[in-house]
Amino acid sequence: MKTQLKELIKPVRKTIYNLTGKKPWSYGYNDTRWQKIYDTLRNSNLVNQFAKGVIPEKFGIGFDERIVEYPWIFSKLNKTKFSQILDAGSTFNFAEIVNHEYFNEQELTIFTFYPEPVNFIAKRISYVFGDLRKMPFQQNYYDQIICQSTIEHIDMDNSIYGYEINKNEDTNKKSYEYLNVVEELIRVLNKGGKLLLTFPYGKFEHHGFFQQFDAEMVSKIKEKLAVEGQFTDQYLQYFTNDWKFSNASNCKNSVSYNPHTGKGKGNDGAAHCRAICCVEFIKN
């Protein structure tokens, strides 16, 4: 009954969001964002534009990085054959994602630290819980792995997600625990398989529940990947009027807006991170 009621009032929430200034994280923001993500992922022409490194003008105004991460990832997924897919971080555990026709022919495993209120086991989606730094999977198993905006939370304060683990509390100090996750992702990726990795990029920032990676931190990821295969990196940057493909140099001074603390809020309508690094890796 609660689920049905929530679905019934979605249009109301979206209308209120549109009539009250379209402010990030205001009433109706999430409903509107997810509708936009849903529509984008089912528009093959739009997804193909992302594959070519093109984003339409005025796309994603006032929305956080999820609005461009999902289409970038979907543009890179292998669509020609069956795959064992690992979602390392549970960013696919949403109806708008798992109900996409793409997953009708794939085996999806979602790996996260703690069970979430919503699951899709009726769709034969598997759930495994644990630490990404030590996953219980055999070597060379998954054909495709998605790790979307997850490694920046490793060794951070994850209490806002409902669980407590050891964390780096020194806001002036970088944590390199994320490199252990990168090693694990490479280990469980099949030979010839694909890893799609995204994370916030710009100036180093410690926001408590996540850290923003700078060029030095990204270089350490690239060092790990270069030993095991080939990779390409792309950058997406938020501007007042839209998201655009960019480059590392243009994004290096980007700062993130933390909606929980207000740190980094500007006048550009940014909802969260203003730049992200997107890495596509193929294992030898």
Protein backbone atom coordinates (compact mmCIF):
# COMPACT_ATOMS: atom_id res chain seq x y z
CA MET A 1 0.00 0.00 0.00
CA LYS A 2 2.81 2.42 0.89
CA THR A 3 4.56 1.66 -2.42
CA GLN A 4 1.36 2.26 -4.37
CA LEU A 5 0.79 5.57 -2.56
CA LYS A 6 4.35 6.70 -3.29
CA GLU A 7 3.85 5.94 -6.97
CA LEU A 8 0.56 7.83 -7.05
CA ILE A 9 2.02 11.03 -5.63
CA LYS A 10 5.15 11.02 -7.80
CA PRO A 11 3.57 13.30 -10.42
CA VAL A 12 2.58 15.70 -7.67
CA ARG A 13 6.10 15.83 -6.29
CA LYS A 14 7.57 16.41 -9.76
CA THR A 15 5.09 19.19 -10.42
CA ILE A 16 5.94 20.91 -7.14
CA TYR A 17 9.66 20.62 -7.97
CA ASN A 18 9.14 22.29 -11.35
CA LEU A 19 6.97 25.05 -9.90
CA THR A 20 9.26 25.93 -7.00
CA GLY A 21 12.49 26.76 -8.80
CA LYS A 22 13.92 23.30 -9.56
CA LYS A 23 16.33 23.49 -6.65
CA PRO A 24 18.66 20.51 -6.11
CA TRP A 25 17.50 18.17 -3.34
CA SER A 26 14.23 20.05 -2.88
CA TYR A 27 10.85 18.30 -2.74
CA GLY A 28 10.38 16.29 -5.93
CA TYR A 29 14.04 16.48 -7.01
CA ASN A 30 14.71 12.74 -6.78
CA ASP A 31 11.51 11.83 -8.62
CA THR A 32 12.35 14.25 -11.42
CA ARG A 33 15.96 13.10 -11.63
CA TRP A 34 15.02 9.43 -11.82
CA GLN A 35 12.43 10.13 -14.49
CA LYS A 36 15.11 11.92 -16.50
CA ILE A 37 17.53 9.00 -16.04
CA TYR A 38 14.82 6.51 -17.02
CA ASP A 39 13.94 8.43 -20.18
CA THR A 40 17.59 8.94 -21.12
CA LEU A 41 18.57 5.28 -20.82
CA ARG A 42 15.67 4.23 -23.03
CA ASN A 43 16.57 6.74 -25.72
CA SER A 44 19.12 4.81 -27.80
CA ASN A 45 20.01 7.86 -29.90
CA LEU A 46 20.88 9.85 -26.78
CA VAL A 47 22.93 7.02 -25.28
CA ASN A 48 24.77 6.66 -28.58
CA GLN A 49 25.69 10.34 -28.40
CA PHE A 50 27.41 9.67 -25.07
CA ALA A 51 29.33 6.85 -26.76
CA LYS A 52 30.63 9.43 -29.26
CA GLY A 53 31.63 11.86 -26.51
CA VAL A 54 28.72 14.23 -27.14
CA ILE A 55 26.11 15.57 -24.72
CA PRO A 56 23.14 17.60 -25.99
CA GLU A 57 23.05 21.26 -25.02
CA LYS A 58 21.33 22.08 -21.72
CA PHE A 59 21.37 18.42 -20.68
CA GLY A 60 21.27 17.78 -16.94
CA ILE A 61 20.89 21.35 -15.67
CA GLY A 62 20.63 21.31 -11.87
CA PHE A 63 21.11 17.54 -11.55
CA ASP A 64 23.93 15.67 -9.85
CA GLU A 65 26.45 13.49 -11.66
CA ARG A 66 24.14 10.46 -11.80
CA ILE A 67 22.41 12.15 -14.74
CA VAL A 68 25.52 11.68 -16.90
CA GLU A 69 27.14 8.66 -15.23
CA TYR A 70 24.34 6.26 -16.11
CA PRO A 71 24.17 7.08 -19.84
CA TRP A 72 27.98 7.03 -20.05
CA ILE A 73 28.02 3.58 -18.49
CA PHE A 74 25.18 2.26 -20.64
CA SER A 75 26.93 3.59 -23.74
CA LYS A 76 29.96 1.45 -22.86
CA LEU A 77 28.26 -1.82 -21.85
CA ASN A 78 28.82 -4.77 -24.14
CA LYS A 79 25.53 -5.31 -25.97
CA THR A 80 26.50 -8.13 -28.30
CA LYS A 81 26.60 -11.12 -25.97
CA PHE A 82 25.53 -12.55 -22.61
CA SER A 83 27.57 -11.29 -19.66
CA GLN A 84 28.06 -12.00 -16.01
CA ILE A 85 27.84 -8.43 -14.65
CA LEU A 86 28.95 -7.20 -11.24
CA ASP A 87 27.58 -3.95 -9.83
CA ALA A 88 30.30 -3.15 -7.29
CA GLY A 89 28.59 -0.62 -5.05
CA SER A 90 24.86 -1.14 -5.63
CA THR A 91 24.20 1.86 -7.87
CA PHE A 92 22.11 -0.38 -10.15
CA ASN A 93 19.72 -1.40 -7.36
CA PHE A 94 16.89 0.80 -8.63
CA ALA A 95 13.78 -0.09 -10.63
CA GLU A 96 14.68 2.48 -13.30
CA ILE A 97 17.90 0.55 -13.93
CA VAL A 98 17.17 -3.16 -13.39
CA ASN A 99 13.92 -2.99 -15.39
CA HIS A 100 15.85 -1.85 -18.46
CA GLU A 101 15.50 -4.39 -21.27
CA TYR A 102 19.29 -4.80 -21.37
CA PHE A 103 19.18 -6.89 -18.20
CA ASN A 104 16.67 -9.34 -19.64
CA GLU A 105 19.58 -11.22 -21.20
CA GLN A 106 22.27 -10.71 -18.54
CA GLU A 107 23.16 -12.12 -15.13
CA LEU A 108 23.50 -9.28 -12.63
CA THR A 109 25.11 -9.52 -9.21
CA ILE A 110 24.93 -6.56 -6.84
CA PHE A 111 27.69 -6.36 -4.23
CA THR A 112 27.41 -3.91 -1.36
CA PHE A 113 28.32 -3.72 2.31
CA TYR A 114 24.86 -3.93 3.84
CA PRO A 115 21.35 -5.04 2.75
CA GLU A 116 19.12 -2.29 1.38
CA PRO A 117 15.34 -1.95 1.91
CA VAL A 118 14.59 -2.55 -1.78
CA ASN A 119 15.71 -5.59 -3.73
CA PHE A 120 14.84 -7.30 -7.00
CA ILE A 121 15.42 -10.98 -6.28
CA ALA A 122 12.22 -11.78 -8.21
CA LYS A 123 14.15 -10.75 -11.32
CA ARG A 124 16.90 -13.30 -10.49
CA ILE A 125 19.30 -10.58 -9.44
CA SER A 126 21.85 -11.85 -6.93
CA TYR A 127 22.93 -9.92 -3.85
CA VAL A 128 26.21 -10.42 -2.02
CA PHE A 129 27.31 -8.39 1.00
CA GLY A 130 30.78 -7.56 2.19
CA ASP A 131 33.79 -5.30 1.85
CA LEU A 132 34.85 -4.36 -1.68
CA ARG A 133 38.46 -4.62 -0.55
CA LYS A 134 38.05 -8.38 -0.12
CA MET A 135 35.32 -9.86 -2.30
CA PRO A 136 34.38 -13.57 -2.10
CA PHE A 137 34.54 -14.13 -5.87
CA GLN A 138 36.94 -16.27 -7.85
CA GLN A 139 39.54 -14.75 -10.11
CA ASN A 140 38.61 -13.91 -13.73
CA TYR A 141 34.87 -14.42 -13.20
CA TYR A 142 32.87 -11.35 -14.23
CA ASP A 143 32.67 -10.27 -17.87
CA GLN A 144 31.69 -6.71 -16.99
CA ILE A 145 32.04 -4.75 -13.76
CA ILE A 146 30.46 -1.39 -12.97
CA CYS A 147 31.84 0.58 -10.04
CA GLN A 148 29.97 3.87 -10.16
CA SER A 149 30.77 6.65 -7.69
CA THR A 150 31.72 4.12 -5.04
CA ILE A 151 35.49 4.06 -4.46
CA GLU A 152 35.41 7.62 -3.10
CA HIS A 153 33.46 6.28 -0.09
CA ILE A 154 36.05 3.64 0.82
CA ASP A 155 37.56 4.31 4.28
CA MET A 156 35.18 7.25 4.75
CA ASP A 157 32.35 7.89 7.22
CA ASN A 158 29.53 5.72 5.88
CA SER A 159 27.17 6.26 8.81
CA ILE A 160 24.76 8.20 6.57
CA TYR A 161 24.22 4.91 4.72
CA GLY A 162 23.36 3.13 7.93
CA TYR A 163 26.55 1.30 8.87
CA GLU A 164 29.80 1.91 10.69
CA ILE A 165 33.21 0.62 9.63
CA ASN A 166 36.76 1.85 10.19
CA LYS A 167 37.22 5.27 8.60
CA ASN A 168 39.74 7.98 7.85
CA GLU A 169 38.74 10.93 10.05
CA ASP A 170 41.67 13.20 9.17
CA THR A 171 40.11 15.71 6.77
CA ASN A 172 43.55 16.88 5.62
CA LYS A 173 44.78 13.40 4.75
CA LYS A 174 44.12 11.34 1.65
CA SER A 175 43.14 7.72 2.07
CA TYR A 176 44.52 5.28 -0.50
CA GLU A 177 42.36 2.35 0.59
CA TYR A 178 40.44 2.71 -2.68
CA LEU A 179 43.44 1.16 -4.44
CA ASN A 180 42.70 -2.13 -2.68
CA VAL A 181 39.26 -2.02 -4.29
CA VAL A 182 40.77 -1.37 -7.72
CA GLU A 183 43.02 -4.41 -7.25
CA GLU A 184 40.03 -6.56 -6.31
CA LEU A 185 37.99 -5.35 -9.28
CA ILE A 186 40.84 -6.26 -11.60
CA ARG A 187 41.23 -9.66 -9.93
CA VAL A 188 37.61 -10.76 -10.36
CA LEU A 189 37.30 -9.32 -13.89
CA ASN A 190 37.49 -11.92 -16.64
CA LYS A 191 40.28 -11.79 -19.21
CA GLY A 192 39.04 -9.57 -22.03
CA GLY A 193 36.40 -8.25 -19.66
CA LYS A 194 35.45 -4.63 -19.12
CA LEU A 195 35.55 -2.46 -16.00
CA LEU A 196 33.64 0.84 -15.97
CA LEU A 197 34.79 3.03 -13.11
CA THR A 198 33.59 6.53 -12.19
CA PHE A 199 34.41 8.89 -9.31
CA PRO A 200 34.47 12.63 -8.45
CA TYR A 201 37.48 14.54 -9.73
CA GLY A 202 39.08 17.96 -9.17
CA LYS A 203 40.80 19.39 -6.11
CA PHE A 204 41.38 16.93 -3.30
CA GLU A 205 38.55 17.34 -0.81
CA HIS A 206 37.58 15.31 2.25
CA HIS A 207 33.84 15.63 2.77
CA GLY A 208 33.51 13.11 5.57
CA PHE A 209 31.44 10.55 3.68
CA PHE A 210 33.52 10.78 0.50
CA GLN A 211 36.79 12.16 -0.78
CA GLN A 212 37.23 13.89 -4.11
CA PHE A 213 40.16 12.56 -6.12
CA ASP A 214 42.84 14.80 -7.59
CA ALA A 215 45.30 14.06 -10.40
CA GLU A 216 47.81 12.37 -8.07
CA MET A 217 45.17 9.97 -6.76
CA VAL A 218 43.95 9.17 -10.25
CA SER A 219 47.51 8.48 -11.40
CA LYS A 220 47.76 5.69 -8.84
CA ILE A 221 44.63 4.06 -10.30
CA LYS A 222 46.09 4.29 -13.78
CA GLU A 223 49.31 2.65 -12.60
CA LYS A 224 47.33 -0.35 -11.35
CA LEU A 225 45.32 -0.62 -14.55
CA ALA A 226 48.27 -0.21 -16.92
CA VAL A 227 49.92 -3.35 -15.54
CA GLU A 228 46.86 -5.52 -16.25
CA GLY A 229 45.38 -4.16 -19.46
CA GLN A 230 44.39 -1.08 -21.45
CA PHE A 231 42.32 1.86 -20.33
CA THR A 232 40.90 5.16 -21.51
CA ASP A 233 39.70 7.98 -19.28
CA GLN A 234 37.11 10.65 -20.00
CA TYR A 235 35.96 13.61 -17.93
CA LEU A 236 32.51 15.09 -17.50
CA GLN A 237 32.16 18.61 -16.13
CA TYR A 238 29.19 20.57 -14.83
CA PHE A 239 28.50 24.11 -16.03
CA THR A 240 25.62 26.44 -15.21
CA ASN A 241 23.76 25.49 -18.38
CA ASP A 242 24.60 21.80 -18.77
CA TRP A 243 27.03 18.91 -18.36
CA LYS A 244 29.76 18.60 -21.00
CA PHE A 245 32.59 16.26 -21.92
CA SER A 246 35.80 17.91 -20.78
CA ASN A 247 39.39 16.96 -19.90
CA ALA A 248 41.53 16.49 -16.80
CA SER A 249 43.20 19.87 -17.09
CA ASN A 250 39.92 21.81 -17.25
CA CYS A 251 38.50 19.86 -14.32
CA LYS A 252 41.52 19.90 -12.00
CA ASN A 253 40.27 22.84 -9.90
CA SER A 254 36.67 21.64 -9.62
CA VAL A 255 35.10 21.56 -6.18
CA SER A 256 32.12 19.55 -5.03
CA TYR A 257 28.98 20.74 -3.30
CA ASN A 258 28.21 18.72 -0.18
CA PRO A 259 24.43 18.97 0.31
CA HIS A 260 24.75 17.62 3.86
CA THR A 261 27.05 20.42 5.06
CA GLY A 262 26.58 23.16 2.46
CA LYS A 263 30.29 23.19 1.70
CA GLY A 264 31.05 24.11 -1.91
CA LYS A 265 27.64 25.50 -2.77
CA GLY A 266 27.76 28.02 -5.58
CA ASN A 267 25.46 29.96 -7.87
CA ASP A 268 25.71 27.52 -10.77
CA GLY A 269 22.97 25.16 -9.57
CA ALA A 270 25.38 22.24 -9.09
CA ALA A 271 23.74 19.48 -7.07
CA HIS A 272 26.88 17.63 -5.99
CA CYS A 273 30.16 16.99 -7.84
CA ARG A 274 31.14 19.39 -10.60
CA ALA A 275 33.45 16.98 -12.40
CA ILE A 276 33.84 13.24 -12.65
CA CYS A 277 36.43 10.92 -14.12
CA CYS A 278 35.11 7.96 -16.12
CA VAL A 279 37.49 5.08 -16.81
CA GLU A 280 36.97 2.21 -19.25
CA PHE A 281 39.38 -0.68 -18.68
CA ILE A 282 39.87 -3.90 -20.66
CA LYS A 283 41.81 -6.67 -18.94
CA ASN A 284 44.52 -8.55 -20.82
